[in-house]
Amino acid sequence: MALVFDSLSYAKDLEDKGVPRKQAEAHANAARDYIMKDLVTKEDLRLALENHANVMTIRLTGIMAAILGSFALFDKFFI
């Protein structure tokens, strides 16, 4: 999910606080190009955690099946 960043309003706010126009625009563009692209939303995090939980469930199920299979073989051949 993409985040919306209003670089024009950001630059205008910087100008209103005394930052020269070109510097404010450069700062707003840099924030948009280099900072905003790496930010994630709560939904992004929720989906990643949900996916991770699903992967872990599958792995643990496989491990449990291997352990139970080992117990069954041990029981068959050694008891």
C-alpha atoms as a PDB file:
ATOM      1  CA  MET A   1       0.000   0.000   0.000  1.00  0.00           C
ATOM      2  CA  ALA A   2       1.474   3.326  -1.014  1.00  0.00           C
ATOM      3  CA  LEU A   3       1.659   6.293   1.291  1.00  0.00           C
ATOM      4  CA  VAL A   4       0.619   9.678  -0.044  1.00  0.00           C
ATOM      5  CA  PHE A   5       3.150  12.453   0.504  1.00  0.00           C
ATOM      6  CA  ASP A   6       2.175  15.998  -0.443  1.00  0.00           C
ATOM      7  CA  SER A   7       5.574  17.446  -1.306  1.00  0.00           C
ATOM      8  CA  LEU A   8       4.058  20.772  -2.408  1.00  0.00           C
ATOM      9  CA  SER A   9       2.416  21.384   0.975  1.00  0.00           C
ATOM     10  CA  TYR A  10       5.570  20.214   2.726  1.00  0.00           C
ATOM     11  CA  ALA A  11       7.713  22.667   0.747  1.00  0.00           C
ATOM     12  CA  LYS A  12       5.181  25.460   1.361  1.00  0.00           C
ATOM     13  CA  ASP A  13       5.238  24.755   5.097  1.00  0.00           C
ATOM     14  CA  LEU A  14       9.039  24.921   5.100  1.00  0.00           C
ATOM     15  CA  GLU A  15       8.900  28.223   3.204  1.00  0.00           C
ATOM     16  CA  ASP A  16       6.410  29.628   5.710  1.00  0.00           C
ATOM     17  CA  LYS A  17       8.889  28.803   8.457  1.00  0.00           C
ATOM     18  CA  GLY A  18      11.719  30.708   6.761  1.00  0.00           C
ATOM     19  CA  VAL A  19      13.440  28.109   4.576  1.00  0.00           C
ATOM     20  CA  PRO A  20      14.372  29.494   1.132  1.00  0.00           C
ATOM     21  CA  ARG A  21      12.057  28.248  -1.656  1.00  0.00           C
ATOM     22  CA  LYS A  22      14.655  26.248  -3.637  1.00  0.00           C
ATOM     23  CA  GLN A  23      15.947  24.610  -0.476  1.00  0.00           C
ATOM     24  CA  ALA A  24      12.403  23.784   0.679  1.00  0.00           C
ATOM     25  CA  GLU A  25      11.569  22.223  -2.707  1.00  0.00           C
ATOM     26  CA  ALA A  26      14.820  20.238  -2.723  1.00  0.00           C
ATOM     27  CA  HIS A  27      14.139  18.988   0.790  1.00  0.00           C
ATOM     28  CA  ALA A  28      10.560  18.002  -0.102  1.00  0.00           C
ATOM     29  CA  ASN A  29      11.730  16.144  -3.222  1.00  0.00           C
ATOM     30  CA  ALA A  30      14.449  14.342  -1.279  1.00  0.00           C
ATOM     31  CA  ALA A  31      11.952  13.333   1.413  1.00  0.00           C
ATOM     32  CA  ARG A  32       9.579  11.998  -1.249  1.00  0.00           C
ATOM     33  CA  ASP A  33      12.276  10.147  -3.217  1.00  0.00           C
ATOM     34  CA  TYR A  34      14.448   8.746  -0.436  1.00  0.00           C
ATOM     35  CA  ILE A  35      12.436   8.574   2.779  1.00  0.00           C
ATOM     36  CA  MET A  36       8.830   7.913   1.777  1.00  0.00           C
ATOM     37  CA  LYS A  37       9.683   4.960  -0.475  1.00  0.00           C
ATOM     38  CA  ASP A  38      11.007   2.983   2.519  1.00  0.00           C
ATOM     39  CA  LEU A  39       8.089   3.613   4.875  1.00  0.00           C
ATOM     40  CA  VAL A  40       5.491   0.912   5.439  1.00  0.00           C
ATOM     41  CA  THR A  41       1.914   1.113   6.598  1.00  0.00           C
ATOM     42  CA  LYS A  42       0.251  -0.813   9.396  1.00  0.00           C
ATOM     43  CA  GLU A  43      -1.450  -2.886   6.698  1.00  0.00           C
ATOM     44  CA  ASP A  44       1.938  -3.751   5.143  1.00  0.00           C
ATOM     45  CA  LEU A  45       3.188  -4.922   8.537  1.00  0.00           C
ATOM     46  CA  ARG A  46       0.003  -6.871   9.245  1.00  0.00           C
ATOM     47  CA  LEU A  47       0.267  -8.730   5.936  1.00  0.00           C
ATOM     48  CA  ALA A  48       3.957  -9.503   6.462  1.00  0.00           C
ATOM     49  CA  LEU A  49       3.333 -10.840   9.969  1.00  0.00           C
ATOM     50  CA  GLU A  50       0.371 -12.889   8.773  1.00  0.00           C
ATOM     51  CA  ASN A  51       2.506 -14.406   6.015  1.00  0.00           C
ATOM     52  CA  HIS A  52       5.296 -15.142   8.487  1.00  0.00           C
ATOM     53  CA  ALA A  53       2.844 -16.837  10.861  1.00  0.00           C
ATOM     54  CA  ASN A  54       1.558 -19.022   8.020  1.00  0.00           C
ATOM     55  CA  VAL A  55       5.096 -20.054   7.046  1.00  0.00           C
ATOM     56  CA  MET A  56       5.951 -20.899  10.660  1.00  0.00           C
ATOM     57  CA  THR A  57       2.763 -22.969  11.017  1.00  0.00           C
ATOM     58  CA  ILE A  58       3.677 -24.998   7.933  1.00  0.00           C
ATOM     59  CA  ARG A  59       7.250 -25.534   9.170  1.00  0.00           C
ATOM     60  CA  LEU A  60       6.142 -26.584  12.648  1.00  0.00           C
ATOM     61  CA  THR A  61       3.592 -28.981  11.177  1.00  0.00           C
ATOM     62  CA  GLY A  62       6.368 -30.592   9.131  1.00  0.00           C
ATOM     63  CA  ILE A  63       8.618 -30.884  12.169  1.00  0.00           C
ATOM     64  CA  MET A  64       5.831 -32.458  14.219  1.00  0.00           C
ATOM     65  CA  ALA A  65       5.103 -34.946  11.424  1.00  0.00           C
ATOM     66  CA  ALA A  66       8.792 -35.896  11.254  1.00  0.00           C
ATOM     67  CA  ILE A  67       8.972 -36.399  15.026  1.00  0.00           C
ATOM     68  CA  LEU A  68       5.808 -38.502  15.100  1.00  0.00           C
ATOM     69  CA  GLY A  69       7.105 -40.539  12.163  1.00  0.00           C
ATOM     70  CA  SER A  70      10.371 -41.122  14.001  1.00  0.00           C
ATOM     71  CA  PHE A  71       8.484 -42.288  17.093  1.00  0.00           C
ATOM     72  CA  ALA A  72       6.406 -44.662  14.965  1.00  0.00           C
ATOM     73  CA  LEU A  73       9.542 -46.144  13.363  1.00  0.00           C
ATOM     74  CA  PHE A  74      11.248 -46.461  16.732  1.00  0.00           C
ATOM     75  CA  ASP A  75       8.179 -48.218  18.140  1.00  0.00           C
ATOM     76  CA  LYS A  76       7.972 -50.587  15.168  1.00  0.00           C
ATOM     77  CA  PHE A  77      11.628 -51.635  15.052  1.00  0.00           C
ATOM     78  CA  PHE A  78      12.832 -51.417  18.647  1.00  0.00           C
ATOM     79  CA  ILE A  79       9.889 -52.282  20.866  1.00  0.00           C
END
